[in-house]
PDB file of N, CA and C in Angstrom:
ATOM      1  N   MET A   1     -64.642 109.679 -70.998  1.00  0.00           N
ATOM      2  CA  MET A   1     -65.201 111.007 -70.857  1.00  0.00           C
ATOM      3  C   MET A   1     -65.865 111.386 -72.182  1.00  0.00           C
ATOM      4  N   PHE A   2     -67.040 111.930 -72.112  1.00  0.00           N
ATOM      5  CA  PHE A   2     -67.749 112.334 -73.318  1.00  0.00           C
ATOM      6  C   PHE A   2     -67.331 113.741 -73.738  1.00  0.00           C
ATOM      7  N   GLN A   3     -67.588 114.059 -74.977  1.00  0.00           N
ATOM      8  CA  GLN A   3     -67.278 115.391 -75.488  1.00  0.00           C
ATOM      9  C   GLN A   3     -68.530 116.257 -75.439  1.00  0.00           C
ATOM     10  N   ASN A   4     -68.346 117.524 -75.093  1.00  0.00           N
ATOM     11  CA  ASN A   4     -69.472 118.449 -75.069  1.00  0.00           C
ATOM     12  C   ASN A   4     -69.169 119.734 -75.838  1.00  0.00           C
ATOM     13  N   MET A   5     -68.179 119.675 -76.713  1.00  0.00           N
ATOM     14  CA  MET A   5     -67.800 120.846 -77.503  1.00  0.00           C
ATOM     15  C   MET A   5     -67.886 120.515 -78.987  1.00  0.00           C
ATOM     16  N   GLY A   6     -68.531 121.404 -79.738  1.00  0.00           N
ATOM     17  CA  GLY A   6     -68.636 121.244 -81.179  1.00  0.00           C
ATOM     18  C   GLY A   6     -67.374 121.691 -81.886  1.00  0.00           C
ATOM     19  N   ILE A   7     -67.352 121.490 -83.183  1.00  0.00           N
ATOM     20  CA  ILE A   7     -66.162 121.776 -83.979  1.00  0.00           C
ATOM     21  C   ILE A   7     -65.842 123.267 -84.000  1.00  0.00           C
ATOM     22  N   TYR A   8     -66.855 124.119 -84.079  1.00  0.00           N
ATOM     23  CA  TYR A   8     -66.596 125.563 -84.117  1.00  0.00           C
ATOM     24  C   TYR A   8     -66.116 126.069 -82.757  1.00  0.00           C
ATOM     25  N   ASP A   9     -66.696 125.561 -81.699  1.00  0.00           N
ATOM     26  CA  ASP A   9     -66.274 125.919 -80.346  1.00  0.00           C
ATOM     27  C   ASP A   9     -64.811 125.541 -80.137  1.00  0.00           C
ATOM     28  N   ARG A  10     -64.453 124.344 -80.572  1.00  0.00           N
ATOM     29  CA  ARG A  10     -63.076 123.885 -80.429  1.00  0.00           C
ATOM     30  C   ARG A  10     -62.119 124.730 -81.257  1.00  0.00           C
ATOM     31  N   GLY A  11     -62.535 125.098 -82.464  1.00  0.00           N
ATOM     32  CA  GLY A  11     -61.682 125.909 -83.331  1.00  0.00           C
ATOM     33  C   GLY A  11     -61.426 127.295 -82.770  1.00  0.00           C
ATOM     34  N   VAL A  12     -62.480 127.922 -82.247  1.00  0.00           N
ATOM     35  CA  VAL A  12     -62.324 129.255 -81.664  1.00  0.00           C
ATOM     36  C   VAL A  12     -61.437 129.199 -80.427  1.00  0.00           C
ATOM     37  N   ARG A  13     -61.632 128.201 -79.593  1.00  0.00           N
ATOM     38  CA  ARG A  13     -60.799 128.047 -78.399  1.00  0.00           C
ATOM     39  C   ARG A  13     -59.340 127.800 -78.763  1.00  0.00           C
ATOM     40  N   LEU A  14     -59.122 126.967 -79.762  1.00  0.00           N
ATOM     41  CA  LEU A  14     -57.749 126.671 -80.183  1.00  0.00           C
ATOM     42  C   LEU A  14     -57.077 127.931 -80.724  1.00  0.00           C
ATOM     43  N   ALA A  15     -57.777 128.681 -81.551  1.00  0.00           N
ATOM     44  CA  ALA A  15     -57.207 129.913 -82.110  1.00  0.00           C
ATOM     45  C   ALA A  15     -56.886 130.919 -81.005  1.00  0.00           C
ATOM     46  N   ALA A  16     -57.812 131.099 -80.061  1.00  0.00           N
ATOM     47  CA  ALA A  16     -57.575 132.037 -78.956  1.00  0.00           C
ATOM     48  C   ALA A  16     -56.405 131.574 -78.091  1.00  0.00           C
ATOM     49  N   GLY A  17     -56.329 130.278 -77.840  1.00  0.00           N
ATOM     50  CA  GLY A  17     -55.226 129.745 -77.047  1.00  0.00           C
ATOM     51  C   GLY A  17     -53.882 129.936 -77.729  1.00  0.00           C
ATOM     52  N   ILE A  18     -53.846 129.745 -79.031  1.00  0.00           N
ATOM     53  CA  ILE A  18     -52.601 129.927 -79.777  1.00  0.00           C
ATOM     54  C   ILE A  18     -52.180 131.397 -79.763  1.00  0.00           C
ATOM     55  N   VAL A  19     -53.141 132.296 -79.939  1.00  0.00           N
ATOM     56  CA  VAL A  19     -52.822 133.735 -79.898  1.00  0.00           C
ATOM     57  C   VAL A  19     -52.255 134.111 -78.526  1.00  0.00           C
ATOM     58  N   LEU A  20     -52.884 133.640 -77.463  1.00  0.00           N
ATOM     59  CA  LEU A  20     -52.383 133.940 -76.117  1.00  0.00           C
ATOM     60  C   LEU A  20     -50.999 133.342 -75.897  1.00  0.00           C
ATOM     61  N   ALA A  21     -50.773 132.138 -76.400  1.00  0.00           N
ATOM     62  CA  ALA A  21     -49.452 131.508 -76.259  1.00  0.00           C
ATOM     63  C   ALA A  21     -48.386 132.302 -77.013  1.00  0.00           C
ATOM     64  N   ILE A  22     -48.717 132.759 -78.202  1.00  0.00           N
ATOM     65  CA  ILE A  22     -47.760 133.558 -78.981  1.00  0.00           C
ATOM     66  C   ILE A  22     -47.438 134.850 -78.250  1.00  0.00           C
ATOM     67  N   LEU A  23     -48.470 135.525 -77.726  1.00  0.00           N
ATOM     68  CA  LEU A  23     -48.241 136.765 -76.984  1.00  0.00           C
ATOM     69  C   LEU A  23     -47.377 136.525 -75.752  1.00  0.00           C
ATOM     70  N   PHE A  24     -47.607 135.401 -75.090  1.00  0.00           N
ATOM     71  CA  PHE A  24     -46.840 135.060 -73.893  1.00  0.00           C
ATOM     72  C   PHE A  24     -45.375 134.788 -74.237  1.00  0.00           C
ATOM     73  N   PHE A  25     -45.147 133.937 -75.228  1.00  0.00           N
ATOM     74  CA  PHE A  25     -43.782 133.516 -75.540  1.00  0.00           C
ATOM     75  C   PHE A  25     -42.966 134.572 -76.278  1.00  0.00           C
ATOM     76  N   THR A  26     -43.612 135.526 -76.919  1.00  0.00           N
ATOM     77  CA  THR A  26     -42.866 136.590 -77.582  1.00  0.00           C
ATOM     78  C   THR A  26     -42.561 137.744 -76.644  1.00  0.00           C
ATOM     79  N   GLY A  27     -43.100 137.713 -75.439  1.00  0.00           N
ATOM     80  CA  GLY A  27     -42.805 138.739 -74.456  1.00  0.00           C
ATOM     81  C   GLY A  27     -43.678 139.973 -74.557  1.00  0.00           C
ATOM     82  N   VAL A  28     -44.737 139.911 -75.347  1.00  0.00           N
ATOM     83  CA  VAL A  28     -45.647 141.045 -75.465  1.00  0.00           C
ATOM     84  C   VAL A  28     -46.369 141.264 -74.133  1.00  0.00           C
ATOM     85  N   LEU A  29     -46.739 140.168 -73.501  1.00  0.00           N
ATOM     86  CA  LEU A  29     -47.383 140.244 -72.187  1.00  0.00           C
ATOM     87  C   LEU A  29     -46.325 140.108 -71.105  1.00  0.00           C
ATOM     88  N   GLU A  30     -46.464 140.884 -70.043  1.00  0.00           N
ATOM     89  CA  GLU A  30     -45.480 140.831 -68.961  1.00  0.00           C
ATOM     90  C   GLU A  30     -46.162 140.797 -67.608  1.00  0.00           C
ATOM     91  N   GLY A  31     -45.451 140.298 -66.624  1.00  0.00           N
ATOM     92  CA  GLY A  31     -45.911 140.325 -65.245  1.00  0.00           C
ATOM     93  C   GLY A  31     -47.017 139.330 -64.965  1.00  0.00           C
ATOM     94  N   THR A  32     -47.869 139.710 -64.026  1.00  0.00           N
ATOM     95  CA  THR A  32     -48.964 138.846 -63.589  1.00  0.00           C
ATOM     96  C   THR A  32     -49.948 138.592 -64.711  1.00  0.00           C
ATOM     97  N   VAL A  33     -50.178 139.581 -65.536  1.00  0.00           N
ATOM     98  CA  VAL A  33     -51.099 139.419 -66.667  1.00  0.00           C
ATOM     99  C   VAL A  33     -50.601 138.317 -67.591  1.00  0.00           C
ATOM    100  N   ALA A  34     -49.301 138.259 -67.824  1.00  0.00           N
ATOM    101  CA  ALA A  34     -48.729 137.232 -68.688  1.00  0.00           C
ATOM    102  C   ALA A  34     -48.955 135.847 -68.101  1.00  0.00           C
ATOM    103  N   ILE A  35     -48.771 135.710 -66.809  1.00  0.00           N
ATOM    104  CA  ILE A  35     -48.950 134.412 -66.161  1.00  0.00           C
ATOM    105  C   ILE A  35     -50.405 133.968 -66.239  1.00  0.00           C
ATOM    106  N   VAL A  36     -51.316 134.866 -65.904  1.00  0.00           N
ATOM    107  CA  VAL A  36     -52.745 134.527 -65.911  1.00  0.00           C
ATOM    108  C   VAL A  36     -53.209 134.185 -67.329  1.00  0.00           C
ATOM    109  N   LEU A  37     -52.871 135.026 -68.300  1.00  0.00           N
ATOM    110  CA  LEU A  37     -53.298 134.765 -69.669  1.00  0.00           C
ATOM    111  C   LEU A  37     -52.577 133.557 -70.269  1.00  0.00           C
ATOM    112  N   GLY A  38     -51.356 133.282 -69.823  1.00  0.00           N
ATOM    113  CA  GLY A  38     -50.658 132.070 -70.257  1.00  0.00           C
ATOM    114  C   GLY A  38     -51.377 130.821 -69.781  1.00  0.00           C
ATOM    115  N   ILE A  39     -51.838 130.837 -68.552  1.00  0.00           N
ATOM    116  CA  ILE A  39     -52.600 129.707 -68.014  1.00  0.00           C
ATOM    117  C   ILE A  39     -53.929 129.566 -68.739  1.00  0.00           C
ATOM    118  N   VAL A  40     -54.603 130.683 -68.976  1.00  0.00           N
ATOM    119  CA  VAL A  40     -55.879 130.655 -69.714  1.00  0.00           C
ATOM    120  C   VAL A  40     -55.653 130.079 -71.112  1.00  0.00           C
ATOM    121  N   GLY A  41     -54.575 130.471 -71.761  1.00  0.00           N
ATOM    122  CA  GLY A  41     -54.254 129.941 -73.080  1.00  0.00           C
ATOM    123  C   GLY A  41     -54.037 128.442 -73.065  1.00  0.00           C
ATOM    124  N   LEU A  42     -53.331 127.948 -72.056  1.00  0.00           N
ATOM    125  CA  LEU A  42     -53.116 126.503 -71.934  1.00  0.00           C
ATOM    126  C   LEU A  42     -54.420 125.753 -71.692  1.00  0.00           C
ATOM    127  N   VAL A  43     -55.284 126.326 -70.877  1.00  0.00           N
ATOM    128  CA  VAL A  43     -56.592 125.698 -70.615  1.00  0.00           C
ATOM    129  C   VAL A  43     -57.415 125.662 -71.899  1.00  0.00           C
ATOM    130  N   LEU A  44     -57.413 126.750 -72.649  1.00  0.00           N
ATOM    131  CA  LEU A  44     -58.163 126.784 -73.911  1.00  0.00           C
ATOM    132  C   LEU A  44     -57.650 125.742 -74.892  1.00  0.00           C
ATOM    133  N   ILE A  45     -56.336 125.626 -75.010  1.00  0.00           N
ATOM    134  CA  ILE A  45     -55.757 124.632 -75.917  1.00  0.00           C
ATOM    135  C   ILE A  45     -56.070 123.218 -75.428  1.00  0.00           C
ATOM    136  N   GLY A  46     -55.970 122.994 -74.127  1.00  0.00           N
ATOM    137  CA  GLY A  46     -56.247 121.668 -73.571  1.00  0.00           C
ATOM    138  C   GLY A  46     -57.696 121.239 -73.743  1.00  0.00           C
ATOM    139  N   THR A  47     -58.628 122.139 -73.440  1.00  0.00           N
ATOM    140  CA  THR A  47     -60.039 121.784 -73.592  1.00  0.00           C
ATOM    141  C   THR A  47     -60.392 121.582 -75.054  1.00  0.00           C
ATOM    142  N   SER A  48     -59.756 122.328 -75.931  1.00  0.00           N
ATOM    143  CA  SER A  48     -59.991 122.150 -77.363  1.00  0.00           C
ATOM    144  C   SER A  48     -59.460 120.797 -77.834  1.00  0.00           C
ATOM    145  N   ALA A  49     -58.332 120.396 -77.314  1.00  0.00           N
ATOM    146  CA  ALA A  49     -57.725 119.124 -77.727  1.00  0.00           C
ATOM    147  C   ALA A  49     -58.565 117.922 -77.324  1.00  0.00           C
ATOM    148  N   ILE A  50     -59.155 117.968 -76.129  1.00  0.00           N
ATOM    149  CA  ILE A  50     -59.936 116.817 -75.673  1.00  0.00           C
ATOM    150  C   ILE A  50     -61.419 116.941 -75.979  1.00  0.00           C
ATOM    151  N   GLY A  51     -61.881 118.143 -76.349  1.00  0.00           N
ATOM    152  CA  GLY A  51     -63.283 118.330 -76.715  1.00  0.00           C
ATOM    153  C   GLY A  51     -64.232 118.345 -75.542  1.00  0.00           C
ATOM    154  N   PHE A  52     -63.714 118.619 -74.364  1.00  0.00           N
ATOM    155  CA  PHE A  52     -64.539 118.608 -73.158  1.00  0.00           C
ATOM    156  C   PHE A  52     -64.285 119.862 -72.343  1.00  0.00           C
ATOM    157  N   CYS A  53     -65.362 120.553 -71.954  1.00  0.00           N
ATOM    158  CA  CYS A  53     -65.247 121.743 -71.127  1.00  0.00           C
ATOM    159  C   CYS A  53     -65.958 121.490 -69.795  1.00  0.00           C
ATOM    160  N   PRO A  54     -65.222 121.438 -68.691  1.00  0.00           N
ATOM    161  CA  PRO A  54     -65.848 121.183 -67.399  1.00  0.00           C
ATOM    162  C   PRO A  54     -66.786 122.303 -66.964  1.00  0.00           C
ATOM    163  N   ALA A  55     -66.604 123.508 -67.461  1.00  0.00           N
ATOM    164  CA  ALA A  55     -67.490 124.617 -67.090  1.00  0.00           C
ATOM    165  C   ALA A  55     -68.888 124.438 -67.668  1.00  0.00           C
ATOM    166  N   TYR A  56     -69.038 123.623 -68.705  1.00  0.00           N
ATOM    167  CA  TYR A  56     -70.354 123.376 -69.294  1.00  0.00           C
ATOM    168  C   TYR A  56     -71.194 122.407 -68.456  1.00  0.00           C
ATOM    169  N   LEU A  57     -70.564 121.580 -67.640  1.00  0.00           N
ATOM    170  CA  LEU A  57     -71.285 120.538 -66.901  1.00  0.00           C
ATOM    171  C   LEU A  57     -72.379 121.052 -65.960  1.00  0.00           C
ATOM    172  N   PRO A  58     -72.120 122.029 -65.089  1.00  0.00           N
ATOM    173  CA  PRO A  58     -73.176 122.451 -64.159  1.00  0.00           C
ATOM    174  C   PRO A  58     -74.416 122.997 -64.865  1.00  0.00           C
ATOM    175  N   PHE A  59     -74.232 123.501 -66.079  1.00  0.00           N
ATOM    176  CA  PHE A  59     -75.342 124.092 -66.820  1.00  0.00           C
ATOM    177  C   PHE A  59     -75.948 123.126 -67.831  1.00  0.00           C
ATOM    178  N   LYS A  60     -75.398 121.900 -67.894  1.00  0.00           N
ATOM    179  CA  LYS A  60     -75.823 120.892 -68.861  1.00  0.00           C
ATOM    180  C   LYS A  60     -75.844 121.468 -70.274  1.00  0.00           C
ATOM    181  N   PHE A  61     -74.773 122.185 -70.610  1.00  0.00           N
ATOM    182  CA  PHE A  61     -74.643 122.882 -71.879  1.00  0.00           C
ATOM    183  C   PHE A  61     -73.722 122.096 -72.791  1.00  0.00           C
ATOM    184  N   SER A  62     -74.046 122.053 -74.067  1.00  0.00           N
ATOM    185  CA  SER A  62     -73.205 121.373 -75.030  1.00  0.00           C
ATOM    186  C   SER A  62     -73.309 122.081 -76.384  1.00  0.00           C
ATOM    187  N   THR A  63     -72.181 122.243 -77.052  1.00  0.00           N
ATOM    188  CA  THR A  63     -72.192 122.827 -78.380  1.00  0.00           C
ATOM    189  C   THR A  63     -71.990 121.752 -79.436  1.00  0.00           C
ATOM    190  N   LYS A  64     -71.894 120.514 -79.009  1.00  0.00           N
ATOM    191  CA  LYS A  64     -71.698 119.416 -79.936  1.00  0.00           C
ATOM    192  C   LYS A  64     -73.019 119.043 -80.587  1.00  0.00           C
ATOM    193  N   SER A  65     -72.963 118.777 -81.870  1.00  0.00           N
ATOM    194  CA  SER A  65     -74.151 118.393 -82.623  1.00  0.00           C
ATOM    195  C   SER A  65     -74.646 117.039 -82.150  1.00  0.00           C
ATOM    196  N   LYS A  66     -75.937 116.853 -82.154  1.00  0.00           N
ATOM    197  CA  LYS A  66     -76.536 115.599 -81.706  1.00  0.00           C
ATOM    198  C   LYS A  66     -76.421 114.508 -82.768  1.00  0.00           C
ATOM    199  N   PHE A  67     -76.034 114.851 -83.985  1.00  0.00           N
ATOM    200  CA  PHE A  67     -75.979 113.894 -85.083  1.00  0.00           C
ATOM    201  C   PHE A  67     -74.743 113.077 -85.057  1.00  0.00           C
TER     202      PHE A  67
END
């Protein structure tokens, strides 16, 4: 699988995912919102880890440098 995410995109996603995970695990978020944002946080961390975002494919979008 090729990567379509640049370093800054991955960093922002990782930071947002970590913040959401912290909010989830500390109990700041509750109920359905906690579940939805917990899943979003996991997706952000996962896509950042592998450097691939499936949502970019239909638009042929990439933030990765060509160099």
